[in-house]
PDB file of N, CA and C in Angstrom:
ATOM      1  N   MET A   1      -0.373 -14.329 -28.956  1.00  0.00           N
ATOM      2  CA  MET A   1      -1.425 -14.212 -28.021  1.00  0.00           C
ATOM      3  C   MET A   1      -2.215 -12.799 -28.181  1.00  0.00           C
ATOM      4  N   ASP A   2      -3.368 -12.852 -27.872  1.00  0.00           N
ATOM      5  CA  ASP A   2      -4.306 -11.768 -28.094  1.00  0.00           C
ATOM      6  C   ASP A   2      -4.101 -10.864 -26.993  1.00  0.00           C
ATOM      7  N   ASP A   3      -3.788  -9.492 -27.195  1.00  0.00           N
ATOM      8  CA  ASP A   3      -3.516  -8.439 -26.160  1.00  0.00           C
ATOM      9  C   ASP A   3      -4.555  -8.303 -25.110  1.00  0.00           C
ATOM     10  N   ASN A   4      -5.826  -8.624 -25.556  1.00  0.00           N
ATOM     11  CA  ASN A   4      -6.874  -8.384 -24.590  1.00  0.00           C
ATOM     12  C   ASN A   4      -7.035  -9.644 -23.447  1.00  0.00           C
ATOM     13  N   HIS A   5      -6.217 -10.596 -23.669  1.00  0.00           N
ATOM     14  CA  HIS A   5      -6.118 -11.725 -22.700  1.00  0.00           C
ATOM     15  C   HIS A   5      -4.960 -11.977 -22.159  1.00  0.00           C
ATOM     16  N   VAL A   6      -4.185 -10.915 -21.861  1.00  0.00           N
ATOM     17  CA  VAL A   6      -2.757 -11.088 -21.155  1.00  0.00           C
ATOM     18  C   VAL A   6      -3.154 -11.507 -19.783  1.00  0.00           C
ATOM     19  N   GLN A   7      -2.528 -12.498 -19.249  1.00  0.00           N
ATOM     20  CA  GLN A   7      -2.648 -12.905 -18.008  1.00  0.00           C
ATOM     21  C   GLN A   7      -1.527 -12.464 -17.147  1.00  0.00           C
ATOM     22  N   ARG A   8      -1.772 -11.711 -15.982  1.00  0.00           N
ATOM     23  CA  ARG A   8      -0.842 -11.106 -15.187  1.00  0.00           C
ATOM     24  C   ARG A   8      -0.678 -11.996 -13.888  1.00  0.00           C
ATOM     25  N   ARG A   9       0.566 -12.126 -13.465  1.00  0.00           N
ATOM     26  CA  ARG A   9       0.769 -12.871 -12.174  1.00  0.00           C
ATOM     27  C   ARG A   9       0.360 -12.238 -11.142  1.00  0.00           C
ATOM     28  N   ALA A  10       0.104 -12.820 -10.142  1.00  0.00           N
ATOM     29  CA  ALA A  10      -0.549 -12.355  -8.807  1.00  0.00           C
ATOM     30  C   ALA A  10       0.791 -12.298  -8.052  1.00  0.00           C
ATOM     31  N   VAL A  11       0.792 -11.089  -7.115  1.00  0.00           N
ATOM     32  CA  VAL A  11       1.786 -11.025  -5.977  1.00  0.00           C
ATOM     33  C   VAL A  11       1.013 -10.843  -4.566  1.00  0.00           C
ATOM     34  N   LYS A  12       1.670 -11.134  -3.473  1.00  0.00           N
ATOM     35  CA  LYS A  12       1.117 -10.960  -2.277  1.00  0.00           C
ATOM     36  C   LYS A  12       1.888  -9.972  -1.502  1.00  0.00           C
ATOM     37  N   VAL A  13       1.128  -8.877  -1.020  1.00  0.00           N
ATOM     38  CA  VAL A  13       1.759  -7.722  -0.389  1.00  0.00           C
ATOM     39  C   VAL A  13       1.307  -7.819   1.197  1.00  0.00           C
ATOM     40  N   ARG A  14       2.187  -7.562   1.949  1.00  0.00           N
ATOM     41  CA  ARG A  14       1.669  -7.432   3.560  1.00  0.00           C
ATOM     42  C   ARG A  14       1.642  -6.017   3.798  1.00  0.00           C
ATOM     43  N   MET A  15       0.452  -5.694   4.266  1.00  0.00           N
ATOM     44  CA  MET A  15       0.193  -4.240   4.585  1.00  0.00           C
ATOM     45  C   MET A  15       0.036  -4.055   6.127  1.00  0.00           C
ATOM     46  N   LEU A  16       0.841  -3.014   6.820  1.00  0.00           N
ATOM     47  CA  LEU A  16       0.760  -2.801   8.138  1.00  0.00           C
ATOM     48  C   LEU A  16       0.238  -1.389   8.316  1.00  0.00           C
ATOM     49  N   PHE A  17      -0.744  -1.310   9.344  1.00  0.00           N
ATOM     50  CA  PHE A  17      -1.569  -0.066   9.487  1.00  0.00           C
ATOM     51  C   PHE A  17      -1.316   0.433  11.086  1.00  0.00           C
ATOM     52  N   PHE A  18      -1.034   1.531  11.389  1.00  0.00           N
ATOM     53  CA  PHE A  18      -0.606   2.054  12.655  1.00  0.00           C
ATOM     54  C   PHE A  18      -1.720   3.074  13.155  1.00  0.00           C
ATOM     55  N   GLY A  19      -1.894   3.167  14.427  1.00  0.00           N
ATOM     56  CA  GLY A  19      -2.796   4.296  15.095  1.00  0.00           C
ATOM     57  C   GLY A  19      -4.099   4.194  14.491  1.00  0.00           C
ATOM     58  N   PRO A  20      -4.798   5.306  14.135  1.00  0.00           N
ATOM     59  CA  PRO A  20      -6.235   5.354  13.733  1.00  0.00           C
ATOM     60  C   PRO A  20      -6.433   4.559  12.407  1.00  0.00           C
ATOM     61  N   LEU A  21      -5.304   4.516  11.823  1.00  0.00           N
ATOM     62  CA  LEU A  21      -5.508   3.742  10.507  1.00  0.00           C
ATOM     63  C   LEU A  21      -5.918   2.092  10.635  1.00  0.00           C
ATOM     64  N   ALA A  22      -5.235   1.675  11.742  1.00  0.00           N
ATOM     65  CA  ALA A  22      -5.623   0.227  12.026  1.00  0.00           C
ATOM     66  C   ALA A  22      -7.007   0.097  12.474  1.00  0.00           C
ATOM     67  N   GLU A  23      -7.486   1.138  13.224  1.00  0.00           N
ATOM     68  CA  GLU A  23      -8.990   1.177  13.653  1.00  0.00           C
ATOM     69  C   GLU A  23      -9.799   1.469  12.238  1.00  0.00           C
ATOM     70  N   LYS A  24      -9.348   2.169  11.354  1.00  0.00           N
ATOM     71  CA  LYS A  24     -10.222   2.424  10.259  1.00  0.00           C
ATOM     72  C   LYS A  24     -10.270   1.111   9.425  1.00  0.00           C
ATOM     73  N   ILE A  25      -9.156   0.510   9.110  1.00  0.00           N
ATOM     74  CA  ILE A  25      -9.079  -0.617   8.346  1.00  0.00           C
ATOM     75  C   ILE A  25      -9.808  -1.975   9.043  1.00  0.00           C
ATOM     76  N   GLY A  26      -9.554  -1.855  10.403  1.00  0.00           N
ATOM     77  CA  GLY A  26     -10.112  -2.952  11.218  1.00  0.00           C
ATOM     78  C   GLY A  26      -9.082  -4.024  11.428  1.00  0.00           C
ATOM     79  N   SER A  27      -7.901  -3.612  11.211  1.00  0.00           N
ATOM     80  CA  SER A  27      -6.662  -4.689  11.491  1.00  0.00           C
ATOM     81  C   SER A  27      -5.425  -4.006  11.385  1.00  0.00           C
ATOM     82  N   ARG A  28      -4.338  -4.507  12.175  1.00  0.00           N
ATOM     83  CA  ARG A  28      -3.157  -3.920  12.129  1.00  0.00           C
ATOM     84  C   ARG A  28      -2.190  -4.486  11.069  1.00  0.00           C
ATOM     85  N   GLU A  29      -2.737  -5.652  10.404  1.00  0.00           N
ATOM     86  CA  GLU A  29      -1.835  -6.374   9.465  1.00  0.00           C
ATOM     87  C   GLU A  29      -2.924  -7.094   8.582  1.00  0.00           C
ATOM     88  N   ILE A  30      -2.617  -6.927   7.227  1.00  0.00           N
ATOM     89  CA  ILE A  30      -3.372  -7.823   6.279  1.00  0.00           C
ATOM     90  C   ILE A  30      -2.379  -8.222   5.233  1.00  0.00           C
ATOM     91  N   GLU A  31      -2.825  -9.301   4.613  1.00  0.00           N
ATOM     92  CA  GLU A  31      -2.064  -9.542   3.369  1.00  0.00           C
ATOM     93  C   GLU A  31      -2.979  -9.573   2.110  1.00  0.00           C
ATOM     94  N   VAL A  32      -2.513  -8.844   1.108  1.00  0.00           N
ATOM     95  CA  VAL A  32      -3.476  -8.808  -0.096  1.00  0.00           C
ATOM     96  C   VAL A  32      -2.807  -9.309  -1.205  1.00  0.00           C
ATOM     97  N   PRO A  33      -3.799  -9.987  -2.017  1.00  0.00           N
ATOM     98  CA  PRO A  33      -3.307 -10.378  -3.390  1.00  0.00           C
ATOM     99  C   PRO A  33      -3.401  -9.281  -4.408  1.00  0.00           C
ATOM    100  N   LEU A  34      -2.449  -8.960  -5.289  1.00  0.00           N
ATOM    101  CA  LEU A  34      -2.448  -7.853  -6.224  1.00  0.00           C
ATOM    102  C   LEU A  34      -1.914  -8.432  -7.455  1.00  0.00           C
ATOM    103  N   ASP A  35      -2.372  -7.877  -8.632  1.00  0.00           N
ATOM    104  CA  ASP A  35      -1.667  -8.052  -9.878  1.00  0.00           C
ATOM    105  C   ASP A  35      -0.183  -7.659  -9.978  1.00  0.00           C
ATOM    106  N   GLU A  36       0.515  -8.482 -10.478  1.00  0.00           N
ATOM    107  CA  GLU A  36       1.950  -7.941 -10.587  1.00  0.00           C
ATOM    108  C   GLU A  36       2.001  -6.679 -11.440  1.00  0.00           C
ATOM    109  N   GLY A  37       2.761  -5.670 -10.785  1.00  0.00           N
ATOM    110  CA  GLY A  37       2.783  -4.295 -11.475  1.00  0.00           C
ATOM    111  C   GLY A  37       1.975  -3.224 -10.915  1.00  0.00           C
ATOM    112  N   THR A  38       1.244  -3.618  -9.961  1.00  0.00           N
ATOM    113  CA  THR A  38       0.465  -2.712  -9.154  1.00  0.00           C
ATOM    114  C   THR A  38       1.319  -1.735  -8.526  1.00  0.00           C
ATOM    115  N   THR A  39       1.157  -0.367  -8.667  1.00  0.00           N
ATOM    116  CA  THR A  39       1.837   0.347  -7.933  1.00  0.00           C
ATOM    117  C   THR A  39       1.313   0.889  -6.635  1.00  0.00           C
ATOM    118  N   LEU A  40       2.327   1.593  -5.806  1.00  0.00           N
ATOM    119  CA  LEU A  40       1.993   1.915  -4.448  1.00  0.00           C
ATOM    120  C   LEU A  40       0.702   2.815  -4.594  1.00  0.00           C
ATOM    121  N   MET A  41       0.564   3.866  -5.365  1.00  0.00           N
ATOM    122  CA  MET A  41      -0.592   4.657  -5.422  1.00  0.00           C
ATOM    123  C   MET A  41      -1.873   3.881  -5.654  1.00  0.00           C
ATOM    124  N   GLU A  42      -1.942   2.699  -6.492  1.00  0.00           N
ATOM    125  CA  GLU A  42      -3.026   1.927  -6.906  1.00  0.00           C
ATOM    126  C   GLU A  42      -3.337   1.128  -5.640  1.00  0.00           C
ATOM    127  N   LEU A  43      -2.418   0.685  -4.737  1.00  0.00           N
ATOM    128  CA  LEU A  43      -2.795  -0.040  -3.519  1.00  0.00           C
ATOM    129  C   LEU A  43      -3.415   0.985  -2.640  1.00  0.00           C
ATOM    130  N   ALA A  44      -2.762   2.236  -2.519  1.00  0.00           N
ATOM    131  CA  ALA A  44      -3.461   3.274  -1.601  1.00  0.00           C
ATOM    132  C   ALA A  44      -4.917   3.561  -2.020  1.00  0.00           C
ATOM    133  N   GLU A  45      -5.146   3.594  -3.363  1.00  0.00           N
ATOM    134  CA  GLU A  45      -6.529   3.976  -3.764  1.00  0.00           C
ATOM    135  C   GLU A  45      -7.451   2.902  -3.575  1.00  0.00           C
ATOM    136  N   LYS A  46      -6.851   1.702  -3.700  1.00  0.00           N
ATOM    137  CA  LYS A  46      -7.799   0.422  -3.313  1.00  0.00           C
ATOM    138  C   LYS A  46      -8.277   0.605  -1.913  1.00  0.00           C
ATOM    139  N   PHE A  47      -7.442   1.084  -1.046  1.00  0.00           N
ATOM    140  CA  PHE A  47      -7.883   0.859   0.362  1.00  0.00           C
ATOM    141  C   PHE A  47      -8.454   2.371   0.970  1.00  0.00           C
ATOM    142  N   HIS A  48      -8.628   3.298  -0.089  1.00  0.00           N
ATOM    143  CA  HIS A  48      -9.220   4.762   0.191  1.00  0.00           C
ATOM    144  C   HIS A  48      -8.262   5.485   0.994  1.00  0.00           C
ATOM    145  N   LEU A  49      -6.997   5.342   0.768  1.00  0.00           N
ATOM    146  CA  LEU A  49      -5.924   6.097   1.609  1.00  0.00           C
ATOM    147  C   LEU A  49      -5.248   7.105   0.816  1.00  0.00           C
ATOM    148  N   SER A  50      -5.491   7.215  -0.352  1.00  0.00           N
ATOM    149  CA  SER A  50      -4.638   8.046  -1.309  1.00  0.00           C
ATOM    150  C   SER A  50      -4.995   9.579  -0.872  1.00  0.00           C
ATOM    151  N   LYS A  51      -6.104  10.003  -0.329  1.00  0.00           N
ATOM    152  CA  LYS A  51      -6.497  11.163   0.112  1.00  0.00           C
ATOM    153  C   LYS A  51      -5.700  11.612   1.216  1.00  0.00           C
ATOM    154  N   LEU A  52      -5.143  10.721   2.039  1.00  0.00           N
ATOM    155  CA  LEU A  52      -4.535  10.920   3.225  1.00  0.00           C
ATOM    156  C   LEU A  52      -2.997  11.317   2.855  1.00  0.00           C
ATOM    157  N   ILE A  53      -2.563  10.822   1.729  1.00  0.00           N
ATOM    158  CA  ILE A  53      -1.176  11.069   1.462  1.00  0.00           C
ATOM    159  C   ILE A  53      -0.717  12.646   1.463  1.00  0.00           C
ATOM    160  N   GLY A  54      -1.525  13.456   0.982  1.00  0.00           N
ATOM    161  CA  GLY A  54      -1.150  14.889   1.000  1.00  0.00           C
ATOM    162  C   GLY A  54      -1.248  15.544   2.395  1.00  0.00           C
ATOM    163  N   SER A  55      -1.931  14.851   3.393  1.00  0.00           N
ATOM    164  CA  SER A  55      -2.103  15.483   4.743  1.00  0.00           C
ATOM    165  C   SER A  55      -1.201  14.639   5.804  1.00  0.00           C
ATOM    166  N   GLY A  56       0.006  14.189   5.336  1.00  0.00           N
ATOM    167  CA  GLY A  56       0.914  13.804   6.270  1.00  0.00           C
ATOM    168  C   GLY A  56       1.061  12.363   6.504  1.00  0.00           C
ATOM    169  N   LEU A  57       0.250  11.587   5.689  1.00  0.00           N
ATOM    170  CA  LEU A  57       0.618  10.021   5.783  1.00  0.00           C
ATOM    171  C   LEU A  57       1.851   9.728   5.162  1.00  0.00           C
ATOM    172  N   ARG A  58       2.623   8.982   5.844  1.00  0.00           N
ATOM    173  CA  ARG A  58       3.906   8.529   5.237  1.00  0.00           C
ATOM    174  C   ARG A  58       3.858   6.968   4.948  1.00  0.00           C
ATOM    175  N   ILE A  59       4.467   6.567   4.044  1.00  0.00           N
ATOM    176  CA  ILE A  59       4.430   5.064   3.657  1.00  0.00           C
ATOM    177  C   ILE A  59       5.873   4.584   3.672  1.00  0.00           C
ATOM    178  N   ALA A  60       6.162   3.363   4.150  1.00  0.00           N
ATOM    179  CA  ALA A  60       7.392   2.754   4.130  1.00  0.00           C
ATOM    180  C   ALA A  60       7.282   1.510   3.295  1.00  0.00           C
ATOM    181  N   ILE A  61       8.212   1.142   2.490  1.00  0.00           N
ATOM    182  CA  ILE A  61       8.356  -0.123   1.726  1.00  0.00           C
ATOM    183  C   ILE A  61       9.334  -0.921   2.346  1.00  0.00           C
ATOM    184  N   ASP A  62       9.253  -2.066   2.919  1.00  0.00           N
ATOM    185  CA  ASP A  62      10.236  -2.772   3.508  1.00  0.00           C
ATOM    186  C   ASP A  62      11.046  -1.886   4.321  1.00  0.00           C
ATOM    187  N   GLY A  63      10.467  -1.195   5.177  1.00  0.00           N
ATOM    188  CA  GLY A  63      11.196  -0.508   6.219  1.00  0.00           C
ATOM    189  C   GLY A  63      11.871   0.789   5.732  1.00  0.00           C
ATOM    190  N   GLU A  64      11.607   1.186   4.497  1.00  0.00           N
ATOM    191  CA  GLU A  64      12.224   2.521   3.960  1.00  0.00           C
ATOM    192  C   GLU A  64      11.128   3.477   3.757  1.00  0.00           C
ATOM    193  N   ILE A  65      11.144   4.585   4.115  1.00  0.00           N
ATOM    194  CA  ILE A  65      10.163   5.513   3.901  1.00  0.00           C
ATOM    195  C   ILE A  65      10.242   5.970   2.318  1.00  0.00           C
ATOM    196  N   THR A  66       9.120   6.140   1.634  1.00  0.00           N
ATOM    197  CA  THR A  66       9.348   6.490   0.211  1.00  0.00           C
ATOM    198  C   THR A  66       8.231   7.447  -0.173  1.00  0.00           C
ATOM    199  N   GLU A  67       8.396   8.207  -1.197  1.00  0.00           N
ATOM    200  CA  GLU A  67       7.464   9.109  -1.762  1.00  0.00           C
ATOM    201  C   GLU A  67       7.161   8.687  -3.154  1.00  0.00           C
ATOM    202  N   LYS A  68       7.817   7.567  -3.664  1.00  0.00           N
ATOM    203  CA  LYS A  68       7.717   7.083  -4.923  1.00  0.00           C
ATOM    204  C   LYS A  68       6.305   6.389  -5.208  1.00  0.00           C
ATOM    205  N   MET A  69       5.342   7.135  -5.464  1.00  0.00           N
ATOM    206  CA  MET A  69       3.869   6.388  -5.419  1.00  0.00           C
ATOM    207  C   MET A  69       3.748   5.624  -6.744  1.00  0.00           C
ATOM    208  N   ASP A  70       4.494   5.752  -7.715  1.00  0.00           N
ATOM    209  CA  ASP A  70       4.363   4.984  -8.936  1.00  0.00           C
ATOM    210  C   ASP A  70       5.249   3.871  -8.950  1.00  0.00           C
ATOM    211  N   GLN A  71       5.908   3.574  -7.761  1.00  0.00           N
ATOM    212  CA  GLN A  71       6.703   2.345  -7.692  1.00  0.00           C
ATOM    213  C   GLN A  71       5.797   1.051  -7.664  1.00  0.00           C
ATOM    214  N   PRO A  72       6.302   0.068  -8.593  1.00  0.00           N
ATOM    215  CA  PRO A  72       5.599  -1.194  -8.690  1.00  0.00           C
ATOM    216  C   PRO A  72       5.763  -2.084  -7.519  1.00  0.00           C
ATOM    217  N   LEU A  73       5.095  -2.774  -6.952  1.00  0.00           N
ATOM    218  CA  LEU A  73       5.195  -3.485  -5.738  1.00  0.00           C
ATOM    219  C   LEU A  73       5.499  -4.846  -6.015  1.00  0.00           C
ATOM    220  N   SER A  74       6.314  -5.560  -5.495  1.00  0.00           N
ATOM    221  CA  SER A  74       6.914  -7.069  -5.732  1.00  0.00           C
ATOM    222  C   SER A  74       6.374  -7.859  -4.736  1.00  0.00           C
ATOM    223  N   ASP A  75       6.326  -9.107  -5.144  1.00  0.00           N
ATOM    224  CA  ASP A  75       5.907 -10.210  -4.073  1.00  0.00           C
ATOM    225  C   ASP A  75       6.535 -10.165  -2.846  1.00  0.00           C
ATOM    226  N   SER A  76       5.831 -10.424  -1.820  1.00  0.00           N
ATOM    227  CA  SER A  76       6.285 -10.335  -0.329  1.00  0.00           C
ATOM    228  C   SER A  76       6.793  -9.149   0.096  1.00  0.00           C
ATOM    229  N   THR A  77       6.530  -8.119  -0.615  1.00  0.00           N
ATOM    230  CA  THR A  77       6.738  -6.604  -0.053  1.00  0.00           C
ATOM    231  C   THR A  77       5.861  -6.220   1.124  1.00  0.00           C
ATOM    232  N   GLU A  78       6.544  -5.651   2.161  1.00  0.00           N
ATOM    233  CA  GLU A  78       5.845  -5.016   3.167  1.00  0.00           C
ATOM    234  C   GLU A  78       5.619  -3.508   3.185  1.00  0.00           C
ATOM    235  N   VAL A  79       4.522  -3.196   3.110  1.00  0.00           N
ATOM    236  CA  VAL A  79       4.053  -1.759   3.039  1.00  0.00           C
ATOM    237  C   VAL A  79       3.393  -1.340   4.308  1.00  0.00           C
ATOM    238  N   ALA A  80       4.009  -0.323   4.952  1.00  0.00           N
ATOM    239  CA  ALA A  80       3.582   0.371   6.227  1.00  0.00           C
ATOM    240  C   ALA A  80       2.966   1.727   5.900  1.00  0.00           C
ATOM    241  N   PHE A  81       1.765   1.930   6.470  1.00  0.00           N
ATOM    242  CA  PHE A  81       1.105   3.186   6.445  1.00  0.00           C
ATOM    243  C   PHE A  81       1.054   3.919   7.730  1.00  0.00           C
ATOM    244  N   LEU A  82       1.881   4.976   7.803  1.00  0.00           N
ATOM    245  CA  LEU A  82       2.173   5.556   9.039  1.00  0.00           C
ATOM    246  C   LEU A  82       1.495   7.060   9.137  1.00  0.00           C
ATOM    247  N   PRO A  83       0.382   7.107   9.953  1.00  0.00           N
ATOM    248  CA  PRO A  83      -0.344   8.301  10.006  1.00  0.00           C
ATOM    249  C   PRO A  83       0.428   9.505  10.596  1.00  0.00           C
ATOM    250  N   PRO A  84       0.259  10.638  10.383  1.00  0.00           N
ATOM    251  CA  PRO A  84       0.870  11.819  11.076  1.00  0.00           C
ATOM    252  C   PRO A  84       0.838  11.570  12.601  1.00  0.00           C
ATOM    253  N   VAL A  85       1.846  11.929  13.188  1.00  0.00           N
ATOM    254  CA  VAL A  85       1.831  11.961  14.725  1.00  0.00           C
ATOM    255  C   VAL A  85       1.442  13.314  15.252  1.00  0.00           C
ATOM    256  N   SER A  86       0.619  13.417  16.128  1.00  0.00           N
ATOM    257  CA  SER A  86       0.177  14.541  16.704  1.00  0.00           C
ATOM    258  C   SER A  86       0.770  14.796  18.133  1.00  0.00           C
ATOM    259  N   GLY A  87       1.146  15.772  18.575  1.00  0.00           N
ATOM    260  CA  GLY A  87       1.513  15.884  19.914  1.00  0.00           C
ATOM    261  C   GLY A  87       1.386  17.279  20.558  1.00  0.00           C
ATOM    262  N   GLY A  88       1.924  17.328  21.715  1.00  0.00           N
ATOM    263  CA  GLY A  88       1.667  18.867  22.268  1.00  0.00           C
ATOM    264  C   GLY A  88       2.847  19.082  23.368  1.00  0.00           C
TER     265      GLY A  88
END
């Protein structure tokens, strides 16, 4: 098989957004198709969220907070983007 024509399987990921992120994205929950092997960082970049990671944005994969941005996402994974909480 020609390396230039490698076909990658598609996976679906469920994304959850909270607080102002839901307003920015326009929804609290979306399902997105991705190429198999897409990393968490690539997903964040696709939705222009990677710049927020250094400023307190936390990410949970299937309910577990993670900092492993190079982690590949699997089919039916739930990814929650949690903005920093402000209080007073």
